Amino acid sequence: MSIVTVGIDLAKTVFAVHGVDAAGKPLLVKPRVARDQLAMLIAELPPCLIGMEACSGAHHWARLFRVHGHTVKLMAPRLVAPYRMSGKRGKNDAADAAAICEAVTRPNMRFVPIKDEHQQAILCLHRTRQGFVEERTAVYNRLRGLLAELGVVLPQKTGYEGRSERTWNPSRAGQIGASAIYWSTLVAWRIGWPSTTEPLPT
């Protein structure tokens, strides 16, 4: 009998592959498959159902395997966890691949839609921008804390730092240190963070 279901435990360099026939008998058990060999291995298989966890690189591999005529389904890792083998063998890549192979055949399993490259590019753009926003907020909060130590309290709104360039004028000698902290942080801010207020493409 030929392989009808394959479970793949994804990784960055070494993958685990587990394939079974229609009766559930393991016919393909490869606990260590190098990254440059995975596509060739899957291309040599007859069209079958391939299951993977929706983790890093999953959508790329799903698109690649579809080209070879396979049906690919992605699952959230938390939904695969109940099917993992336990006991003396413990958790390892081979056991994870077998669990994925079992989970993908369950009739009530919920699957993750496979994204195309455009969708992933837009998602990367939004995630990158969100990271800049979080970093900007962290820097501004750090700046407010440093200035508060010198008796200068800034508003909580992060938009204040741009307007304060024109109005910052330390009138007391004790604010010289605060001014140095403010301007050095503002320079780092302007160099390190692009605009986080411009609308992003969809």
C-alpha atoms as a PDB file:
ATOM      1  CA  MET A   1       0.000   0.000   0.000  1.00  0.00           C
ATOM      2  CA  SER A   2       1.154   3.551  -0.710  1.00  0.00           C
ATOM      3  CA  ILE A   3       1.524   6.457   1.687  1.00  0.00           C
ATOM      4  CA  VAL A   4      -1.683   8.472   2.078  1.00  0.00           C
ATOM      5  CA  THR A   5      -0.932  10.684   5.099  1.00  0.00           C
ATOM      6  CA  VAL A   6       2.268  12.444   6.127  1.00  0.00           C
ATOM      7  CA  GLY A   7       3.048  14.419   9.244  1.00  0.00           C
ATOM      8  CA  ILE A   8       6.011  16.810   9.252  1.00  0.00           C
ATOM      9  CA  ASP A   9       7.562  18.341  12.350  1.00  0.00           C
ATOM     10  CA  LEU A  10       8.976  21.629  11.073  1.00  0.00           C
ATOM     11  CA  ALA A  11      12.255  23.162  12.179  1.00  0.00           C
ATOM     12  CA  LYS A  12      14.922  25.507  10.853  1.00  0.00           C
ATOM     13  CA  THR A  13      17.493  22.926   9.727  1.00  0.00           C
ATOM     14  CA  VAL A  14      16.445  19.349  10.598  1.00  0.00           C
ATOM     15  CA  PHE A  15      12.890  18.048  10.068  1.00  0.00           C
ATOM     16  CA  ALA A  16      11.075  14.888  11.129  1.00  0.00           C
ATOM     17  CA  VAL A  17       8.745  13.084   8.679  1.00  0.00           C
ATOM     18  CA  HIS A  18       6.198  10.363   9.475  1.00  0.00           C
ATOM     19  CA  GLY A  19       4.065   8.742   6.753  1.00  0.00           C
ATOM     20  CA  VAL A  20       1.392   6.052   7.016  1.00  0.00           C
ATOM     21  CA  ASP A  21      -0.804   4.066   4.650  1.00  0.00           C
ATOM     22  CA  ALA A  22      -4.593   3.872   4.631  1.00  0.00           C
ATOM     23  CA  ALA A  23      -4.524   1.335   7.477  1.00  0.00           C
ATOM     24  CA  GLY A  24      -2.371   3.583   9.647  1.00  0.00           C
ATOM     25  CA  LYS A  25       0.773   1.480   9.249  1.00  0.00           C
ATOM     26  CA  PRO A  26       4.004   3.546   9.258  1.00  0.00           C
ATOM     27  CA  LEU A  27       5.744   3.328   5.887  1.00  0.00           C
ATOM     28  CA  LEU A  28       7.926   6.424   6.062  1.00  0.00           C
ATOM     29  CA  VAL A  29       9.709   7.201   9.322  1.00  0.00           C
ATOM     30  CA  LYS A  30      12.546   9.690   8.993  1.00  0.00           C
ATOM     31  CA  PRO A  31      13.397  11.452  12.262  1.00  0.00           C
ATOM     32  CA  ARG A  32      16.165  13.545  10.670  1.00  0.00           C
ATOM     33  CA  VAL A  33      15.703  15.158   7.263  1.00  0.00           C
ATOM     34  CA  ALA A  34      17.941  18.057   6.281  1.00  0.00           C
ATOM     35  CA  ARG A  35      16.309  21.238   5.067  1.00  0.00           C
ATOM     36  CA  ASP A  36      17.725  20.938   1.546  1.00  0.00           C
ATOM     37  CA  GLN A  37      16.395  17.364   1.262  1.00  0.00           C
ATOM     38  CA  LEU A  38      12.823  17.895   2.455  1.00  0.00           C
ATOM     39  CA  ALA A  39      11.378  19.286  -0.794  1.00  0.00           C
ATOM     40  CA  MET A  40      12.967  16.456  -2.797  1.00  0.00           C
ATOM     41  CA  LEU A  41      11.613  13.840  -0.404  1.00  0.00           C
ATOM     42  CA  ILE A  42       8.048  15.157  -0.579  1.00  0.00           C
ATOM     43  CA  ALA A  43       8.214  15.568  -4.372  1.00  0.00           C
ATOM     44  CA  GLU A  44       8.958  11.856  -4.751  1.00  0.00           C
ATOM     45  CA  LEU A  45       5.801  10.840  -2.836  1.00  0.00           C
ATOM     46  CA  PRO A  46       2.471  10.218  -4.554  1.00  0.00           C
ATOM     47  CA  PRO A  47      -0.174  12.890  -3.925  1.00  0.00           C
ATOM     48  CA  CYS A  48      -1.206  12.568  -0.290  1.00  0.00           C
ATOM     49  CA  LEU A  49      -2.473  14.488   2.730  1.00  0.00           C
ATOM     50  CA  ILE A  50       0.285  16.401   4.517  1.00  0.00           C
ATOM     51  CA  GLY A  51      -0.181  17.836   7.985  1.00  0.00           C
ATOM     52  CA  MET A  52       2.006  20.441   9.677  1.00  0.00           C
ATOM     53  CA  GLU A  53       1.802  22.715  12.663  1.00  0.00           C
ATOM     54  CA  ALA A  54       1.151  26.365  11.832  1.00  0.00           C
ATOM     55  CA  CYS A  55       4.560  27.615  12.975  1.00  0.00           C
ATOM     56  CA  SER A  56       7.496  29.438  11.411  1.00  0.00           C
ATOM     57  CA  GLY A  57       7.871  28.557   7.734  1.00  0.00           C
ATOM     58  CA  ALA A  58       4.685  26.468   7.580  1.00  0.00           C
ATOM     59  CA  HIS A  59       2.968  28.600   4.937  1.00  0.00           C
ATOM     60  CA  HIS A  60       6.075  28.567   2.727  1.00  0.00           C
ATOM     61  CA  TRP A  61       6.323  24.780   2.852  1.00  0.00           C
ATOM     62  CA  ALA A  62       2.575  24.389   2.327  1.00  0.00           C
ATOM     63  CA  ARG A  63       2.715  26.393  -0.906  1.00  0.00           C
ATOM     64  CA  LEU A  64       5.730  24.417  -2.063  1.00  0.00           C
ATOM     65  CA  PHE A  65       4.129  21.020  -1.370  1.00  0.00           C
ATOM     66  CA  ARG A  66       0.913  22.048  -3.115  1.00  0.00           C
ATOM     67  CA  VAL A  67       2.888  22.498  -6.329  1.00  0.00           C
ATOM     68  CA  HIS A  68       3.633  18.744  -6.253  1.00  0.00           C
ATOM     69  CA  GLY A  69      -0.069  17.876  -6.022  1.00  0.00           C
ATOM     70  CA  HIS A  70      -0.312  17.263  -2.280  1.00  0.00           C
ATOM     71  CA  THR A  71      -3.166  18.361  -0.040  1.00  0.00           C
ATOM     72  CA  VAL A  72      -1.648  20.388   2.789  1.00  0.00           C
ATOM     73  CA  LYS A  73      -3.357  21.291   6.051  1.00  0.00           C
ATOM     74  CA  LEU A  74      -2.001  23.407   8.887  1.00  0.00           C
ATOM     75  CA  MET A  75      -3.024  23.050  12.525  1.00  0.00           C
ATOM     76  CA  ALA A  76      -2.485  25.119  15.636  1.00  0.00           C
ATOM     77  CA  PRO A  77       0.170  23.463  17.850  1.00  0.00           C
ATOM     78  CA  ARG A  78      -2.165  23.471  20.859  1.00  0.00           C
ATOM     79  CA  LEU A  79      -4.632  21.293  18.941  1.00  0.00           C
ATOM     80  CA  VAL A  80      -1.909  18.785  18.089  1.00  0.00           C
ATOM     81  CA  ALA A  81      -0.607  18.527  21.660  1.00  0.00           C
ATOM     82  CA  PRO A  82      -3.203  15.950  22.856  1.00  0.00           C
ATOM     83  CA  TYR A  83      -2.008  13.494  20.186  1.00  0.00           C
ATOM     84  CA  ARG A  84       1.651  13.586  21.196  1.00  0.00           C
ATOM     85  CA  MET A  85       3.063  10.367  22.580  1.00  0.00           C
ATOM     86  CA  SER A  86       4.155  10.345  26.180  1.00  0.00           C
ATOM     87  CA  GLY A  87       5.714   7.874  28.582  1.00  0.00           C
ATOM     88  CA  LYS A  88       9.218   6.452  28.337  1.00  0.00           C
ATOM     89  CA  ARG A  89       9.895   7.896  24.886  1.00  0.00           C
ATOM     90  CA  GLY A  90       9.043  11.403  26.014  1.00  0.00           C
ATOM     91  CA  LYS A  91       8.760  14.319  23.618  1.00  0.00           C
ATOM     92  CA  ASN A  92      10.963  14.311  20.530  1.00  0.00           C
ATOM     93  CA  ASP A  93      10.754  15.325  16.890  1.00  0.00           C
ATOM     94  CA  ALA A  94       9.829  11.839  15.635  1.00  0.00           C
ATOM     95  CA  ALA A  95       6.978  11.566  18.158  1.00  0.00           C
ATOM     96  CA  ASP A  96       5.801  15.053  17.177  1.00  0.00           C
ATOM     97  CA  ALA A  97       5.708  14.091  13.495  1.00  0.00           C
ATOM     98  CA  ALA A  98       3.674  10.971  14.334  1.00  0.00           C
ATOM     99  CA  ALA A  99       1.277  13.066  16.416  1.00  0.00           C
ATOM    100  CA  ILE A 100       0.824  15.533  13.560  1.00  0.00           C
ATOM    101  CA  CYS A 101       0.188  12.650  11.168  1.00  0.00           C
ATOM    102  CA  GLU A 102      -2.537  11.378  13.505  1.00  0.00           C
ATOM    103  CA  ALA A 103      -4.080  14.760  14.234  1.00  0.00           C
ATOM    104  CA  VAL A 104      -4.478  15.827  10.599  1.00  0.00           C
ATOM    105  CA  THR A 105      -6.861  12.915   9.956  1.00  0.00           C
ATOM    106  CA  ARG A 106      -9.240  13.761  12.804  1.00  0.00           C
ATOM    107  CA  PRO A 107     -12.701  14.731  11.460  1.00  0.00           C
ATOM    108  CA  ASN A 108     -13.217  17.497  14.033  1.00  0.00           C
ATOM    109  CA  MET A 109      -9.791  19.079  13.669  1.00  0.00           C
ATOM    110  CA  ARG A 110      -9.740  22.822  12.963  1.00  0.00           C
ATOM    111  CA  PHE A 111      -7.274  23.978  10.324  1.00  0.00           C
ATOM    112  CA  VAL A 112      -5.435  27.224   9.663  1.00  0.00           C
ATOM    113  CA  PRO A 113      -5.933  28.805   6.211  1.00  0.00           C
ATOM    114  CA  ILE A 114      -2.751  28.837   4.132  1.00  0.00           C
ATOM    115  CA  LYS A 115      -1.551  32.360   3.325  1.00  0.00           C
ATOM    116  CA  ASP A 116      -0.092  33.394  -0.010  1.00  0.00           C
ATOM    117  CA  GLU A 117       3.094  35.455  -0.275  1.00  0.00           C
ATOM    118  CA  HIS A 118       1.239  38.778  -0.542  1.00  0.00           C
ATOM    119  CA  GLN A 119      -0.725  38.101   2.623  1.00  0.00           C
ATOM    120  CA  GLN A 120       2.444  37.176   4.481  1.00  0.00           C
ATOM    121  CA  ALA A 121       4.244  40.292   3.229  1.00  0.00           C
ATOM    122  CA  ILE A 122       1.473  42.554   4.493  1.00  0.00           C
ATOM    123  CA  LEU A 123       1.421  40.702   7.818  1.00  0.00           C
ATOM    124  CA  CYS A 124       5.196  41.118   8.173  1.00  0.00           C
ATOM    125  CA  LEU A 125       4.841  44.837   7.504  1.00  0.00           C
ATOM    126  CA  HIS A 126       2.187  45.255  10.186  1.00  0.00           C
ATOM    127  CA  ARG A 127       4.145  43.197  12.708  1.00  0.00           C
ATOM    128  CA  THR A 128       7.303  45.200  12.045  1.00  0.00           C
ATOM    129  CA  ARG A 129       5.431  48.451  12.528  1.00  0.00           C
ATOM    130  CA  GLN A 130       3.843  47.170  15.726  1.00  0.00           C
ATOM    131  CA  GLY A 131       7.328  46.392  16.993  1.00  0.00           C
ATOM    132  CA  PHE A 132       8.429  49.969  16.291  1.00  0.00           C
ATOM    133  CA  VAL A 133       5.379  51.295  18.126  1.00  0.00           C
ATOM    134  CA  GLU A 134       6.151  49.170  21.178  1.00  0.00           C
ATOM    135  CA  GLU A 135       9.810  50.213  21.146  1.00  0.00           C
ATOM    136  CA  ARG A 136       8.842  53.874  20.787  1.00  0.00           C
ATOM    137  CA  THR A 137       6.510  53.628  23.766  1.00  0.00           C
ATOM    138  CA  ALA A 138       9.201  51.915  25.839  1.00  0.00           C
ATOM    139  CA  VAL A 139      11.761  54.626  25.016  1.00  0.00           C
ATOM    140  CA  TYR A 140       9.311  57.413  25.831  1.00  0.00           C
ATOM    141  CA  ASN A 141       8.396  55.809  29.156  1.00  0.00           C
ATOM    142  CA  ARG A 142      12.094  55.446  29.956  1.00  0.00           C
ATOM    143  CA  LEU A 143      12.609  59.113  29.084  1.00  0.00           C
ATOM    144  CA  ARG A 144       9.721  60.183  31.314  1.00  0.00           C
ATOM    145  CA  GLY A 145      11.184  58.167  34.185  1.00  0.00           C
ATOM    146  CA  LEU A 146      14.644  59.723  33.795  1.00  0.00           C
ATOM    147  CA  LEU A 147      13.236  63.239  33.603  1.00  0.00           C
ATOM    148  CA  ALA A 148      10.980  62.620  36.594  1.00  0.00           C
ATOM    149  CA  GLU A 149      14.125  61.898  38.634  1.00  0.00           C
ATOM    150  CA  LEU A 150      15.186  65.468  37.844  1.00  0.00           C
ATOM    151  CA  GLY A 151      11.825  66.972  38.704  1.00  0.00           C
ATOM    152  CA  VAL A 152      10.497  67.241  35.137  1.00  0.00           C
ATOM    153  CA  VAL A 153       7.258  65.409  34.410  1.00  0.00           C
ATOM    154  CA  LEU A 154       6.146  64.914  30.810  1.00  0.00           C
ATOM    155  CA  PRO A 155       2.639  63.933  29.664  1.00  0.00           C
ATOM    156  CA  GLN A 156       1.905  60.259  29.051  1.00  0.00           C
ATOM    157  CA  LYS A 157       1.072  60.782  25.371  1.00  0.00           C
ATOM    158  CA  THR A 158       3.917  59.662  23.144  1.00  0.00           C
ATOM    159  CA  GLY A 159       3.053  62.376  20.612  1.00  0.00           C
ATOM    160  CA  TYR A 160       4.327  64.999  23.022  1.00  0.00           C
ATOM    161  CA  GLU A 161       8.001  64.498  22.196  1.00  0.00           C
ATOM    162  CA  GLY A 162       7.650  66.014  18.719  1.00  0.00           C
ATOM    163  CA  ARG A 163       5.916  69.190  19.926  1.00  0.00           C
ATOM    164  CA  SER A 164       8.276  69.638  22.859  1.00  0.00           C
ATOM    165  CA  GLU A 165      11.265  70.240  20.551  1.00  0.00           C
ATOM    166  CA  ARG A 166      10.077  73.789  20.000  1.00  0.00           C
ATOM    167  CA  THR A 167       9.032  74.474  23.595  1.00  0.00           C
ATOM    168  CA  TRP A 168      11.817  72.818  25.604  1.00  0.00           C
ATOM    169  CA  ASN A 169      13.757  75.599  27.315  1.00  0.00           C
ATOM    170  CA  PRO A 170      15.286  74.698  30.695  1.00  0.00           C
ATOM    171  CA  SER A 171      15.020  77.822  32.835  1.00  0.00           C
ATOM    172  CA  ARG A 172      16.761  76.410  35.896  1.00  0.00           C
ATOM    173  CA  ALA A 173      20.319  75.190  36.282  1.00  0.00           C
ATOM    174  CA  GLY A 174      19.021  71.936  37.702  1.00  0.00           C
ATOM    175  CA  GLN A 175      17.400  71.158  34.367  1.00  0.00           C
ATOM    176  CA  ILE A 176      20.635  71.081  32.398  1.00  0.00           C
ATOM    177  CA  GLY A 177      21.060  67.361  33.069  1.00  0.00           C
ATOM    178  CA  ALA A 178      17.439  66.794  32.174  1.00  0.00           C
ATOM    179  CA  SER A 179      17.934  68.676  28.923  1.00  0.00           C
ATOM    180  CA  ALA A 180      20.917  66.495  28.026  1.00  0.00           C
ATOM    181  CA  ILE A 181      18.892  63.336  28.680  1.00  0.00           C
ATOM    182  CA  TYR A 182      15.982  64.668  26.670  1.00  0.00           C
ATOM    183  CA  TRP A 183      17.943  65.716  23.584  1.00  0.00           C
ATOM    184  CA  SER A 184      20.136  62.598  23.461  1.00  0.00           C
ATOM    185  CA  THR A 185      17.057  60.392  23.650  1.00  0.00           C
ATOM    186  CA  LEU A 186      15.239  62.507  21.070  1.00  0.00           C
ATOM    187  CA  VAL A 187      18.138  62.165  18.615  1.00  0.00           C
ATOM    188  CA  ALA A 188      18.192  58.376  19.084  1.00  0.00           C
ATOM    189  CA  TRP A 189      14.418  58.407  18.628  1.00  0.00           C
ATOM    190  CA  ARG A 190      14.525  60.255  15.309  1.00  0.00           C
ATOM    191  CA  ILE A 191      17.354  58.082  13.949  1.00  0.00           C
ATOM    192  CA  GLY A 192      16.072  54.709  15.084  1.00  0.00           C
ATOM    193  CA  TRP A 193      12.305  54.850  14.510  1.00  0.00           C
ATOM    194  CA  PRO A 194      10.485  55.593  11.264  1.00  0.00           C
ATOM    195  CA  SER A 195       7.047  57.104  11.272  1.00  0.00           C
ATOM    196  CA  THR A 196       4.517  54.966  13.080  1.00  0.00           C
ATOM    197  CA  THR A 197       1.554  57.138  12.181  1.00  0.00           C
ATOM    198  CA  GLU A 198       1.520  56.655   8.397  1.00  0.00           C
ATOM    199  CA  PRO A 199      -1.193  54.283   7.120  1.00  0.00           C
ATOM    200  CA  LEU A 200      -0.023  50.894   5.918  1.00  0.00           C
ATOM    201  CA  PRO A 201      -1.077  49.148   2.696  1.00  0.00           C
ATOM    202  CA  THR A 202      -3.588  46.324   2.869  1.00  0.00           C
END
